[in-house]
Protein backbone atom coordinates (compact mmCIF):
# COMPACT_ATOMS: atom_id res chain seq x y z
CA MET A 1 -9.17 -11.47 6.04
CA PRO A 2 -6.65 -10.77 8.78
CA ASP A 3 -7.13 -7.80 11.09
CA ALA A 4 -5.54 -4.46 10.29
CA LEU A 5 -2.04 -3.78 11.51
CA PRO A 6 -2.05 -0.80 13.88
CA PRO A 7 -0.64 2.27 12.13
CA PRO A 8 2.31 3.75 14.01
CA PRO A 9 2.50 7.53 14.54
CA ASP A 10 5.15 8.06 11.85
CA LEU A 11 2.96 6.31 9.26
CA ILE A 12 -0.02 8.41 10.31
CA ASP A 13 2.12 11.52 9.76
CA LEU A 14 3.07 10.23 6.30
CA GLN A 15 -0.59 9.69 5.43
CA ARG A 16 -1.40 13.22 6.57
CA ALA A 17 1.40 14.51 4.34
CA LEU A 18 -0.04 12.53 1.43
CA ASP A 19 -3.52 13.91 2.11
CA ALA A 20 -2.08 17.45 2.19
CA ALA A 21 -0.14 16.92 -1.06
CA ARG A 22 -3.28 15.63 -2.79
CA ALA A 23 -5.35 18.54 -1.49
CA GLU A 24 -2.73 21.04 -2.64
CA LEU A 25 -2.58 19.50 -6.12
CA HIS A 26 -6.35 19.30 -6.53
CA GLY A 27 -6.89 22.82 -5.17
CA TRP A 28 -4.24 24.28 -7.44
CA LEU A 29 -5.67 22.46 -10.46
CA ALA A 30 -9.17 23.76 -9.77
CA GLU A 31 -7.93 27.33 -9.36
CA THR A 32 -5.70 27.16 -12.43
CA GLU A 33 -8.36 25.63 -14.65
CA ALA A 34 -10.86 28.28 -13.52
CA ALA A 35 -8.35 31.02 -14.29
CA ARG A 36 -7.69 29.54 -17.73
CA ARG A 37 -11.44 29.39 -18.44
CA ALA A 38 -11.75 33.04 -17.40
CA GLU A 39 -8.77 34.02 -19.55
CA PHE A 40 -10.03 32.07 -22.58
CA PRO A 41 -13.82 31.90 -22.15
CA ASP A 42 -14.85 31.45 -25.77
CA PRO A 43 -15.59 27.86 -26.86
CA GLU A 44 -13.31 28.41 -29.86
CA GLN A 45 -10.44 29.10 -27.43
CA ALA A 46 -10.25 25.50 -26.19
CA VAL A 47 -6.78 25.06 -27.67
CA GLU A 48 -5.46 28.23 -26.05
CA ARG A 49 -7.10 27.28 -22.75
CA GLY A 50 -5.43 23.86 -22.84
CA MET A 51 -1.96 25.08 -23.79
CA TRP A 52 -0.46 25.95 -20.44
CA PRO A 53 2.63 28.14 -20.28
CA ASP A 54 5.89 26.70 -19.00
CA ASP A 55 5.50 28.10 -15.48
CA LEU A 56 2.12 26.40 -15.00
CA ARG A 57 3.38 23.10 -16.42
CA ALA A 58 6.41 23.27 -14.12
CA ARG A 59 4.21 23.92 -11.08
CA LEU A 60 1.93 21.02 -12.05
CA ALA A 61 4.94 18.72 -12.40
CA ASP A 62 6.24 19.87 -9.00
CA LEU A 63 2.92 19.24 -7.26
CA ARG A 64 2.53 15.85 -8.93
CA GLY A 65 6.07 14.98 -7.85
CA LYS A 66 5.29 15.92 -4.25
CA GLN A 67 2.17 13.77 -4.31
CA ALA A 68 4.04 10.82 -5.82
CA ALA A 69 6.83 11.10 -3.23
CA ALA A 70 4.28 11.22 -0.39
CA PHE A 71 2.44 8.21 -1.84
CA ASP A 72 5.69 6.25 -2.11
CA ALA A 73 6.59 7.12 1.48
CA VAL A 74 3.31 5.61 2.69
CA ARG A 75 3.47 2.62 0.37
CA LEU A 76 7.07 1.76 1.26
CA HIS A 77 6.67 2.16 5.02
CA PRO A 78 7.50 -1.12 6.81
CA THR A 79 4.00 -1.41 8.27
CA MET A 80 2.39 -1.15 4.84
CA GLN A 81 4.88 -3.61 3.40
CA GLN A 82 4.06 -6.02 6.23
CA ALA A 83 0.36 -5.54 5.57
CA LEU A 84 0.91 -6.50 1.93
CA ALA A 85 2.82 -9.60 2.98
CA ASP A 86 0.18 -10.55 5.57
CA GLY A 87 -2.73 -10.04 3.20
CA CYS A 88 -4.32 -7.31 5.26
CA HIS A 89 -3.35 -4.27 3.22
CA PRO A 90 -6.91 -3.04 2.48
CA VAL A 91 -8.00 -3.01 6.13
CA THR A 92 -4.67 -1.58 7.26
CA GLU A 93 -4.93 1.17 4.66
CA ARG A 94 -8.48 1.97 5.84
CA ALA A 95 -7.33 2.04 9.48
CA LEU A 96 -4.44 4.31 8.51
CA LYS A 97 -6.69 6.76 6.67
CA ASP A 98 -9.18 6.76 9.54
CA ALA A 99 -6.39 7.44 12.05
CA ALA A 100 -4.87 10.19 9.92
CA ARG A 101 -8.19 11.94 9.45
CA ALA A 102 -9.51 11.45 13.00
CA GLY A 103 -8.38 14.92 14.03
CA ASP A 104 -9.94 16.57 10.98
CA ALA A 105 -13.55 16.06 12.02
């Protein structure tokens, strides 16, 4: 397999935005599901627990939209498109994620 393409700074920023969008979505989901379990704790309340009001469904759709837009921005970046064409997408994606998360350690 060919070597990874070096991720440019703008692509690293896009990956960080994608990581943040995913974290926001997953964090919100965990909090919301916990709140719904607390509001409807009885096992017979599974239907009520699963029927989210419009405001929660709208927020979920918004967060999913942000994540999808961030994913598309990474996927459509010229470097990632070149990596697909060159057959080195997996190693380039790994290098990108490593570069984006290097400052998080």
